[in-house]
Amino acid sequence: MKLALIVNQKKEDAESFQNIILQNLAERKIHPELFLNKNFQRDDFTNIDCIITLGGDGTILHTAGVLEGMEVPILGINTGHLGYLTEIRKRREIDGAITRLLAGDYVEDRRSMLRGKIVREGKEIFSRLALNEILFSRVRGVSIHHFQVFCDGMELVRYSSDGIIISTPTGSTAYNLSAGGPIISPEAQVYIMNPICAHSFNNRAVVLDDRRVLEIIMEKGDQVLSFDGEEPVELFSKDKIIIEKAKEETVLVKFSGESFLHTLREKMALV
């Protein structure tokens, strides 16, 4: 098996975890391709069978964005904070995880993604995938922004708000949750539209069938669009943003039989 190891060196335990993993693999005569921080691109994984990420959810999100739907399984090892997406969260679990990975003793947890496109003056100028969310947010100041939202070509709502989060089920436990949105099971075939600090009574999140296509028209500029926290793209007045379920998916390595609810309880300390 050809492996790649991606290490987020900003994490406190990254170096010690990296040494453990490399030593473990070396004892098995396996020498993975090593990539530090964000110093990698899609073509680096053409002949890779599996990617191990060492960091937190942000490391997995960036990796998924770079892969752009390449179906290379990702095994996340957590050295971050919450780690909803990471499968391994404790140092003592690494050896067993690698043993099972090399033996093919795992399942593929396939996560849906969103594709967002910016259309300006009738031309598509930008397109990108998101595993967690697509975020509309203001550049500066405290002015109210207005968004005209269409669903399948029919006007759905007008939001006056600081921004909007369009979230996948995977991303429902990220910014969407912090903004008061619902938690959605990862396998649900839906996505969430959640206004941020709406200045009106229509301030509730909306859960949509993921076969629906959203079109959001900017009524003025001074807004940016970001995908999973990556570098934002500036938006202008009259820009149309089209958001729909992507054909591509992110594939995560999963060992445990734990349900989503078990993980949720553990992370949120629900008792």
C-alpha atoms as a PDB file:
ATOM      1  CA  MET A   1       0.000   0.000   0.000  1.00  0.00           C
ATOM      2  CA  LYS A   2       1.311   3.444  -0.988  1.00  0.00           C
ATOM      3  CA  LEU A   3       0.656   5.963   1.774  1.00  0.00           C
ATOM      4  CA  ALA A   4       0.941   9.709   2.155  1.00  0.00           C
ATOM      5  CA  LEU A   5       1.327  11.427   5.526  1.00  0.00           C
ATOM      6  CA  ILE A   6       0.183  15.044   5.877  1.00  0.00           C
ATOM      7  CA  VAL A   7       1.353  16.792   9.055  1.00  0.00           C
ATOM      8  CA  ASN A   8      -0.008  20.061  10.414  1.00  0.00           C
ATOM      9  CA  GLN A   9       3.087  21.261  12.263  1.00  0.00           C
ATOM     10  CA  LYS A  10       1.148  23.977  14.072  1.00  0.00           C
ATOM     11  CA  LYS A  11      -0.429  21.392  16.357  1.00  0.00           C
ATOM     12  CA  GLU A  12       1.245  20.860  19.723  1.00  0.00           C
ATOM     13  CA  ASP A  13       1.807  17.100  19.494  1.00  0.00           C
ATOM     14  CA  ALA A  14       2.397  16.961  15.749  1.00  0.00           C
ATOM     15  CA  GLU A  15       6.112  16.142  15.874  1.00  0.00           C
ATOM     16  CA  SER A  16       5.845  13.349  18.440  1.00  0.00           C
ATOM     17  CA  PHE A  17       2.865  11.792  16.640  1.00  0.00           C
ATOM     18  CA  GLN A  18       4.708  12.065  13.321  1.00  0.00           C
ATOM     19  CA  ASN A  19       7.712  10.197  14.749  1.00  0.00           C
ATOM     20  CA  ILE A  20       5.489   7.439  16.129  1.00  0.00           C
ATOM     21  CA  ILE A  21       3.757   6.961  12.779  1.00  0.00           C
ATOM     22  CA  LEU A  22       6.947   7.007  10.715  1.00  0.00           C
ATOM     23  CA  GLN A  23       8.667   4.540  13.038  1.00  0.00           C
ATOM     24  CA  ASN A  24       5.647   2.263  13.006  1.00  0.00           C
ATOM     25  CA  LEU A  25       5.510   2.251   9.218  1.00  0.00           C
ATOM     26  CA  ALA A  26       9.282   1.834   8.866  1.00  0.00           C
ATOM     27  CA  GLU A  27       9.095  -1.355  10.932  1.00  0.00           C
ATOM     28  CA  ARG A  28       6.666  -2.617   8.286  1.00  0.00           C
ATOM     29  CA  LYS A  29       9.017  -1.565   5.454  1.00  0.00           C
ATOM     30  CA  ILE A  30       6.681   1.247   4.401  1.00  0.00           C
ATOM     31  CA  HIS A  31       8.000   4.740   3.733  1.00  0.00           C
ATOM     32  CA  PRO A  32       5.141   7.179   3.099  1.00  0.00           C
ATOM     33  CA  GLU A  33       5.288  10.373   1.083  1.00  0.00           C
ATOM     34  CA  LEU A  34       5.589  13.142   3.674  1.00  0.00           C
ATOM     35  CA  PHE A  35       3.881  16.523   3.238  1.00  0.00           C
ATOM     36  CA  LEU A  36       4.137  19.304   5.807  1.00  0.00           C
ATOM     37  CA  ASN A  37       1.366  21.803   6.456  1.00  0.00           C
ATOM     38  CA  LYS A  38      -0.279  22.820   3.151  1.00  0.00           C
ATOM     39  CA  ASN A  39       2.693  22.097   0.910  1.00  0.00           C
ATOM     40  CA  PHE A  40       0.970  19.686  -1.468  1.00  0.00           C
ATOM     41  CA  GLN A  41      -1.288  19.619  -4.529  1.00  0.00           C
ATOM     42  CA  ARG A  42      -3.732  17.256  -6.180  1.00  0.00           C
ATOM     43  CA  ASP A  43      -1.215  15.628  -8.527  1.00  0.00           C
ATOM     44  CA  ASP A  44       0.875  14.501  -5.535  1.00  0.00           C
ATOM     45  CA  PHE A  45      -1.746  11.848  -4.733  1.00  0.00           C
ATOM     46  CA  THR A  46      -2.306  10.298  -8.157  1.00  0.00           C
ATOM     47  CA  ASN A  47      -0.688   6.984  -7.172  1.00  0.00           C
ATOM     48  CA  ILE A  48      -1.490   7.069  -3.452  1.00  0.00           C
ATOM     49  CA  ASP A  49      -3.760   4.397  -1.939  1.00  0.00           C
ATOM     50  CA  CYS A  50      -4.504   6.195   1.323  1.00  0.00           C
ATOM     51  CA  ILE A  51      -3.723   9.499   3.035  1.00  0.00           C
ATOM     52  CA  ILE A  52      -3.060   9.828   6.759  1.00  0.00           C
ATOM     53  CA  THR A  53      -3.632  13.339   8.088  1.00  0.00           C
ATOM     54  CA  LEU A  54      -2.122  14.450  11.372  1.00  0.00           C
ATOM     55  CA  GLY A  55      -3.810  17.519  12.814  1.00  0.00           C
ATOM     56  CA  GLY A  56      -7.477  18.336  13.283  1.00  0.00           C
ATOM     57  CA  ASP A  57     -10.623  18.718  11.221  1.00  0.00           C
ATOM     58  CA  GLY A  58      -9.112  21.712   9.424  1.00  0.00           C
ATOM     59  CA  THR A  59      -6.327  19.508   8.059  1.00  0.00           C
ATOM     60  CA  ILE A  60      -8.879  17.043   6.675  1.00  0.00           C
ATOM     61  CA  LEU A  61     -10.976  19.852   5.191  1.00  0.00           C
ATOM     62  CA  HIS A  62      -7.999  21.358   3.389  1.00  0.00           C
ATOM     63  CA  THR A  63      -6.944  17.927   2.121  1.00  0.00           C
ATOM     64  CA  ALA A  64     -10.466  17.206   0.850  1.00  0.00           C
ATOM     65  CA  GLY A  65     -10.468  20.535  -0.984  1.00  0.00           C
ATOM     66  CA  VAL A  66      -7.153  19.773  -2.659  1.00  0.00           C
ATOM     67  CA  LEU A  67      -8.295  16.286  -3.689  1.00  0.00           C
ATOM     68  CA  GLU A  68     -11.377  17.767  -5.419  1.00  0.00           C
ATOM     69  CA  GLY A  69     -13.245  14.491  -5.360  1.00  0.00           C
ATOM     70  CA  MET A  70     -10.332  12.078  -5.886  1.00  0.00           C
ATOM     71  CA  GLU A  71     -11.527   8.972  -4.079  1.00  0.00           C
ATOM     72  CA  VAL A  72      -8.391   8.490  -2.004  1.00  0.00           C
ATOM     73  CA  PRO A  73      -9.437   7.445   1.526  1.00  0.00           C
ATOM     74  CA  ILE A  74      -8.349   9.774   4.334  1.00  0.00           C
ATOM     75  CA  LEU A  75      -7.473   8.515   7.813  1.00  0.00           C
ATOM     76  CA  GLY A  76      -7.553  11.412  10.240  1.00  0.00           C
ATOM     77  CA  ILE A  77      -5.450  11.309  13.418  1.00  0.00           C
ATOM     78  CA  ASN A  78      -6.386  14.071  15.819  1.00  0.00           C
ATOM     79  CA  THR A  79      -3.951  16.402  17.536  1.00  0.00           C
ATOM     80  CA  GLY A  80      -6.441  19.270  17.439  1.00  0.00           C
ATOM     81  CA  HIS A  81      -9.394  20.232  19.634  1.00  0.00           C
ATOM     82  CA  LEU A  82     -12.736  18.585  18.849  1.00  0.00           C
ATOM     83  CA  GLY A  83     -11.971  16.452  15.821  1.00  0.00           C
ATOM     84  CA  TYR A  84     -15.414  15.418  14.575  1.00  0.00           C
ATOM     85  CA  LEU A  85     -13.882  14.100  11.342  1.00  0.00           C
ATOM     86  CA  THR A  86     -10.760  12.440  12.739  1.00  0.00           C
ATOM     87  CA  GLU A  87     -11.046   8.717  13.430  1.00  0.00           C
ATOM     88  CA  ILE A  88      -8.082   8.309  15.817  1.00  0.00           C
ATOM     89  CA  ARG A  89      -7.953  10.588  18.840  1.00  0.00           C
ATOM     90  CA  LYS A  90      -5.446   8.962  21.217  1.00  0.00           C
ATOM     91  CA  ARG A  91      -1.757   8.162  20.898  1.00  0.00           C
ATOM     92  CA  ARG A  92      -2.236   4.575  22.043  1.00  0.00           C
ATOM     93  CA  GLU A  93      -4.670   3.901  19.173  1.00  0.00           C
ATOM     94  CA  ILE A  94      -2.136   4.584  16.401  1.00  0.00           C
ATOM     95  CA  ASP A  95      -0.509   1.143  16.193  1.00  0.00           C
ATOM     96  CA  GLY A  96      -3.826  -0.690  15.972  1.00  0.00           C
ATOM     97  CA  ALA A  97      -5.136   1.786  13.440  1.00  0.00           C
ATOM     98  CA  ILE A  98      -2.171   1.318  11.127  1.00  0.00           C
ATOM     99  CA  THR A  99      -2.423  -2.470  11.436  1.00  0.00           C
ATOM    100  CA  ARG A 100      -6.078  -2.389  10.434  1.00  0.00           C
ATOM    101  CA  LEU A 101      -5.464   0.130   7.656  1.00  0.00           C
ATOM    102  CA  LEU A 102      -2.771  -2.010   6.028  1.00  0.00           C
ATOM    103  CA  ALA A 103      -4.968  -5.098   6.353  1.00  0.00           C
ATOM    104  CA  GLY A 104      -7.846  -3.330   4.649  1.00  0.00           C
ATOM    105  CA  ASP A 105      -9.916  -3.790   7.808  1.00  0.00           C
ATOM    106  CA  TYR A 106     -11.936  -0.601   7.568  1.00  0.00           C
ATOM    107  CA  VAL A 107     -15.005   0.835   5.908  1.00  0.00           C
ATOM    108  CA  GLU A 108     -15.235   3.835   3.617  1.00  0.00           C
ATOM    109  CA  ASP A 109     -17.324   6.614   5.119  1.00  0.00           C
ATOM    110  CA  ARG A 110     -18.437   8.593   2.079  1.00  0.00           C
ATOM    111  CA  ARG A 111     -19.347  12.224   2.796  1.00  0.00           C
ATOM    112  CA  SER A 112     -21.342  14.454   0.469  1.00  0.00           C
ATOM    113  CA  MET A 113     -19.929  17.793  -0.659  1.00  0.00           C
ATOM    114  CA  LEU A 114     -21.290  21.061  -2.020  1.00  0.00           C
ATOM    115  CA  ARG A 115     -20.212  22.842  -5.172  1.00  0.00           C
ATOM    116  CA  GLY A 116     -20.447  26.611  -5.309  1.00  0.00           C
ATOM    117  CA  LYS A 117     -20.177  28.645  -8.507  1.00  0.00           C
ATOM    118  CA  ILE A 118     -19.919  32.410  -8.907  1.00  0.00           C
ATOM    119  CA  VAL A 119     -21.639  33.811 -11.988  1.00  0.00           C
ATOM    120  CA  ARG A 120     -20.808  37.422 -12.891  1.00  0.00           C
ATOM    121  CA  GLU A 121     -22.437  39.194 -15.835  1.00  0.00           C
ATOM    122  CA  GLY A 122     -23.647  35.856 -17.167  1.00  0.00           C
ATOM    123  CA  LYS A 123     -20.259  34.103 -17.008  1.00  0.00           C
ATOM    124  CA  GLU A 124     -19.053  31.529 -14.501  1.00  0.00           C
ATOM    125  CA  ILE A 125     -15.859  32.958 -13.020  1.00  0.00           C
ATOM    126  CA  PHE A 126     -15.179  30.615 -10.103  1.00  0.00           C
ATOM    127  CA  SER A 127     -16.080  27.134  -8.834  1.00  0.00           C
ATOM    128  CA  ARG A 128     -14.990  25.166  -5.778  1.00  0.00           C
ATOM    129  CA  LEU A 129     -16.029  22.252  -3.546  1.00  0.00           C
ATOM    130  CA  ALA A 130     -16.758  22.281   0.176  1.00  0.00           C
ATOM    131  CA  LEU A 131     -16.990  19.368   2.617  1.00  0.00           C
ATOM    132  CA  ASN A 132     -18.246  21.446   5.575  1.00  0.00           C
ATOM    133  CA  GLU A 133     -19.735  24.710   4.406  1.00  0.00           C
ATOM    134  CA  ILE A 134     -19.873  27.590   1.992  1.00  0.00           C
ATOM    135  CA  LEU A 135     -19.922  30.900   3.844  1.00  0.00           C
ATOM    136  CA  PHE A 136     -21.112  34.351   2.824  1.00  0.00           C
ATOM    137  CA  SER A 137     -19.612  36.944   5.175  1.00  0.00           C
ATOM    138  CA  ARG A 138     -19.034  40.677   5.129  1.00  0.00           C
ATOM    139  CA  VAL A 139     -15.635  42.214   4.571  1.00  0.00           C
ATOM    140  CA  ARG A 140     -15.815  45.049   7.073  1.00  0.00           C
ATOM    141  CA  GLY A 141     -18.088  47.199   9.206  1.00  0.00           C
ATOM    142  CA  VAL A 142     -21.468  46.429  10.704  1.00  0.00           C
ATOM    143  CA  SER A 143     -23.819  47.259   7.836  1.00  0.00           C
ATOM    144  CA  ILE A 144     -26.748  44.960   7.043  1.00  0.00           C
ATOM    145  CA  HIS A 145     -26.498  42.900   3.867  1.00  0.00           C
ATOM    146  CA  HIS A 146     -29.386  41.718   1.739  1.00  0.00           C
ATOM    147  CA  PHE A 147     -29.556  38.381  -0.054  1.00  0.00           C
ATOM    148  CA  GLN A 148     -32.183  37.250  -2.535  1.00  0.00           C
ATOM    149  CA  VAL A 149     -32.462  33.453  -2.388  1.00  0.00           C
ATOM    150  CA  PHE A 150     -33.997  31.253  -5.089  1.00  0.00           C
ATOM    151  CA  CYS A 151     -34.569  27.497  -4.853  1.00  0.00           C
ATOM    152  CA  ASP A 152     -34.960  25.591  -8.131  1.00  0.00           C
ATOM    153  CA  GLY A 153     -35.575  28.909  -9.884  1.00  0.00           C
ATOM    154  CA  MET A 154     -38.347  30.093  -7.556  1.00  0.00           C
ATOM    155  CA  GLU A 155     -37.810  32.863  -5.017  1.00  0.00           C
ATOM    156  CA  LEU A 156     -37.621  31.332  -1.555  1.00  0.00           C
ATOM    157  CA  VAL A 157     -36.666  34.116   0.853  1.00  0.00           C
ATOM    158  CA  ARG A 158     -34.915  37.457   1.244  1.00  0.00           C
ATOM    159  CA  TYR A 159     -32.465  37.613   4.104  1.00  0.00           C
ATOM    160  CA  SER A 160     -31.223  40.773   5.783  1.00  0.00           C
ATOM    161  CA  SER A 161     -28.304  39.443   7.777  1.00  0.00           C
ATOM    162  CA  ASP A 162     -24.575  39.534   8.447  1.00  0.00           C
ATOM    163  CA  GLY A 163     -24.112  36.508   6.180  1.00  0.00           C
ATOM    164  CA  ILE A 164     -25.322  33.023   5.310  1.00  0.00           C
ATOM    165  CA  ILE A 165     -23.922  29.556   5.984  1.00  0.00           C
ATOM    166  CA  ILE A 166     -24.732  26.783   3.515  1.00  0.00           C
ATOM    167  CA  SER A 167     -23.733  23.577   5.288  1.00  0.00           C
ATOM    168  CA  THR A 168     -23.495  19.885   4.471  1.00  0.00           C
ATOM    169  CA  PRO A 169     -24.598  17.347   7.092  1.00  0.00           C
ATOM    170  CA  THR A 170     -20.887  16.880   7.868  1.00  0.00           C
ATOM    171  CA  GLY A 171     -20.554  20.611   8.470  1.00  0.00           C
ATOM    172  CA  SER A 172     -23.668  20.844  10.615  1.00  0.00           C
ATOM    173  CA  THR A 173     -21.520  20.458  13.747  1.00  0.00           C
ATOM    174  CA  ALA A 174     -19.138  23.250  12.685  1.00  0.00           C
ATOM    175  CA  TYR A 175     -19.950  26.949  12.127  1.00  0.00           C
ATOM    176  CA  ASN A 176     -23.601  26.084  11.501  1.00  0.00           C
ATOM    177  CA  LEU A 177     -23.911  24.730  15.052  1.00  0.00           C
ATOM    178  CA  SER A 178     -22.211  27.805  16.534  1.00  0.00           C
ATOM    179  CA  ALA A 179     -24.712  29.969  14.634  1.00  0.00           C
ATOM    180  CA  GLY A 180     -27.668  28.125  16.158  1.00  0.00           C
ATOM    181  CA  GLY A 181     -28.332  25.741  13.267  1.00  0.00           C
ATOM    182  CA  PRO A 182     -29.523  22.131  13.558  1.00  0.00           C
ATOM    183  CA  ILE A 183     -27.300  19.082  13.881  1.00  0.00           C
ATOM    184  CA  ILE A 184     -27.806  16.670  10.981  1.00  0.00           C
ATOM    185  CA  SER A 185     -26.725  13.040  10.753  1.00  0.00           C
ATOM    186  CA  PRO A 186     -23.910  12.721   8.150  1.00  0.00           C
ATOM    187  CA  GLU A 187     -25.800  10.255   5.963  1.00  0.00           C
ATOM    188  CA  ALA A 188     -28.871  12.476   5.597  1.00  0.00           C
ATOM    189  CA  GLN A 189     -29.510  13.604   2.020  1.00  0.00           C
ATOM    190  CA  VAL A 190     -30.008  17.273   2.855  1.00  0.00           C
ATOM    191  CA  TYR A 191     -28.135  20.502   3.354  1.00  0.00           C
ATOM    192  CA  ILE A 192     -28.735  23.535   5.562  1.00  0.00           C
ATOM    193  CA  MET A 193     -29.149  27.243   4.817  1.00  0.00           C
ATOM    194  CA  ASN A 194     -28.563  29.254   7.986  1.00  0.00           C
ATOM    195  CA  PRO A 195     -28.580  33.088   8.122  1.00  0.00           C
ATOM    196  CA  ILE A 196     -26.066  34.711  10.465  1.00  0.00           C
ATOM    197  CA  CYS A 197     -27.551  37.296  12.857  1.00  0.00           C
ATOM    198  CA  ALA A 198     -30.603  37.890  10.671  1.00  0.00           C
ATOM    199  CA  HIS A 199     -32.164  41.337  11.094  1.00  0.00           C
ATOM    200  CA  SER A 200     -35.715  40.140  10.533  1.00  0.00           C
ATOM    201  CA  PHE A 201     -38.212  37.539  11.709  1.00  0.00           C
ATOM    202  CA  ASN A 202     -37.290  35.058   8.964  1.00  0.00           C
ATOM    203  CA  ASN A 203     -34.144  34.196  10.850  1.00  0.00           C
ATOM    204  CA  ARG A 204     -34.505  30.428  11.002  1.00  0.00           C
ATOM    205  CA  ALA A 205     -32.265  27.878   9.352  1.00  0.00           C
ATOM    206  CA  VAL A 206     -33.840  25.934   6.484  1.00  0.00           C
ATOM    207  CA  VAL A 207     -33.094  22.263   5.802  1.00  0.00           C
ATOM    208  CA  LEU A 208     -33.341  21.456   2.092  1.00  0.00           C
ATOM    209  CA  ASP A 209     -33.487  18.264   0.065  1.00  0.00           C
ATOM    210  CA  ASP A 210     -30.003  17.990  -1.465  1.00  0.00           C
ATOM    211  CA  ARG A 211     -31.517  17.626  -4.955  1.00  0.00           C
ATOM    212  CA  ARG A 212     -32.443  21.310  -4.753  1.00  0.00           C
ATOM    213  CA  VAL A 213     -30.325  24.008  -6.391  1.00  0.00           C
ATOM    214  CA  LEU A 214     -29.883  27.320  -4.602  1.00  0.00           C
ATOM    215  CA  GLU A 215     -29.203  30.625  -6.299  1.00  0.00           C
ATOM    216  CA  ILE A 216     -28.232  33.556  -4.088  1.00  0.00           C
ATOM    217  CA  ILE A 217     -28.029  37.021  -5.605  1.00  0.00           C
ATOM    218  CA  MET A 218     -25.950  39.714  -3.961  1.00  0.00           C
ATOM    219  CA  GLU A 219     -27.824  42.998  -3.672  1.00  0.00           C
ATOM    220  CA  LYS A 220     -24.574  44.842  -2.968  1.00  0.00           C
ATOM    221  CA  GLY A 221     -20.870  44.108  -2.629  1.00  0.00           C
ATOM    222  CA  ASP A 222     -18.538  44.183   0.380  1.00  0.00           C
ATOM    223  CA  GLN A 223     -19.052  40.455   0.895  1.00  0.00           C
ATOM    224  CA  VAL A 224     -16.762  37.462   0.454  1.00  0.00           C
ATOM    225  CA  LEU A 225     -17.412  33.788  -0.228  1.00  0.00           C
ATOM    226  CA  SER A 226     -15.287  31.135   1.460  1.00  0.00           C
ATOM    227  CA  PHE A 227     -15.191  27.354   1.184  1.00  0.00           C
ATOM    228  CA  ASP A 228     -14.285  25.383   4.321  1.00  0.00           C
ATOM    229  CA  GLY A 229     -12.366  28.347   5.690  1.00  0.00           C
ATOM    230  CA  GLU A 230     -10.019  28.616   2.722  1.00  0.00           C
ATOM    231  CA  GLU A 231      -8.951  31.910   1.114  1.00  0.00           C
ATOM    232  CA  PRO A 232     -12.133  33.934   0.485  1.00  0.00           C
ATOM    233  CA  VAL A 233     -13.299  35.223  -2.899  1.00  0.00           C
ATOM    234  CA  GLU A 234     -14.616  38.784  -3.165  1.00  0.00           C
ATOM    235  CA  LEU A 235     -18.222  39.230  -4.285  1.00  0.00           C
ATOM    236  CA  PHE A 236     -19.781  42.185  -6.086  1.00  0.00           C
ATOM    237  CA  SER A 237     -23.272  43.582  -6.451  1.00  0.00           C
ATOM    238  CA  LYS A 238     -25.492  41.446  -8.730  1.00  0.00           C
ATOM    239  CA  ASP A 239     -23.197  38.409  -8.501  1.00  0.00           C
ATOM    240  CA  LYS A 240     -25.147  35.147  -8.571  1.00  0.00           C
ATOM    241  CA  ILE A 241     -23.880  32.231  -6.512  1.00  0.00           C
ATOM    242  CA  ILE A 242     -25.183  28.792  -7.488  1.00  0.00           C
ATOM    243  CA  ILE A 243     -24.934  26.076  -4.839  1.00  0.00           C
ATOM    244  CA  GLU A 244     -25.806  22.419  -5.300  1.00  0.00           C
ATOM    245  CA  LYS A 245     -24.798  18.980  -4.134  1.00  0.00           C
ATOM    246  CA  ALA A 246     -21.526  17.992  -5.785  1.00  0.00           C
ATOM    247  CA  LYS A 247     -21.079  14.826  -7.785  1.00  0.00           C
ATOM    248  CA  GLU A 248     -17.801  14.329  -5.935  1.00  0.00           C
ATOM    249  CA  GLU A 249     -17.486  12.888  -2.426  1.00  0.00           C
ATOM    250  CA  THR A 250     -14.858  12.783   0.307  1.00  0.00           C
ATOM    251  CA  VAL A 251     -13.928   9.302   1.516  1.00  0.00           C
ATOM    252  CA  LEU A 252     -12.962   8.905   5.178  1.00  0.00           C
ATOM    253  CA  VAL A 253     -11.486   5.787   6.777  1.00  0.00           C
ATOM    254  CA  LYS A 254     -13.663   4.467   9.596  1.00  0.00           C
ATOM    255  CA  PHE A 255     -12.815   1.608  11.963  1.00  0.00           C
ATOM    256  CA  SER A 256     -15.266   1.817  14.824  1.00  0.00           C
ATOM    257  CA  GLY A 257     -18.886   0.806  14.807  1.00  0.00           C
ATOM    258  CA  GLU A 258     -19.787   3.853  16.848  1.00  0.00           C
ATOM    259  CA  SER A 259     -22.851   5.709  15.672  1.00  0.00           C
ATOM    260  CA  PHE A 260     -22.927   9.403  14.886  1.00  0.00           C
ATOM    261  CA  LEU A 261     -24.957   9.938  18.061  1.00  0.00           C
ATOM    262  CA  HIS A 262     -22.250   8.298  20.179  1.00  0.00           C
ATOM    263  CA  THR A 263     -19.607  10.564  18.700  1.00  0.00           C
ATOM    264  CA  LEU A 264     -21.849  13.573  19.172  1.00  0.00           C
ATOM    265  CA  ARG A 265     -22.423  12.725  22.816  1.00  0.00           C
ATOM    266  CA  GLU A 266     -18.688  12.312  23.387  1.00  0.00           C
ATOM    267  CA  LYS A 267     -17.793  15.588  21.710  1.00  0.00           C
ATOM    268  CA  MET A 268     -20.521  17.695  23.242  1.00  0.00           C
ATOM    269  CA  ALA A 269     -20.393  16.007  26.657  1.00  0.00           C
ATOM    270  CA  LEU A 270     -24.126  15.367  26.519  1.00  0.00           C
ATOM    271  CA  VAL A 271     -25.323  13.397  29.533  1.00  0.00           C
END
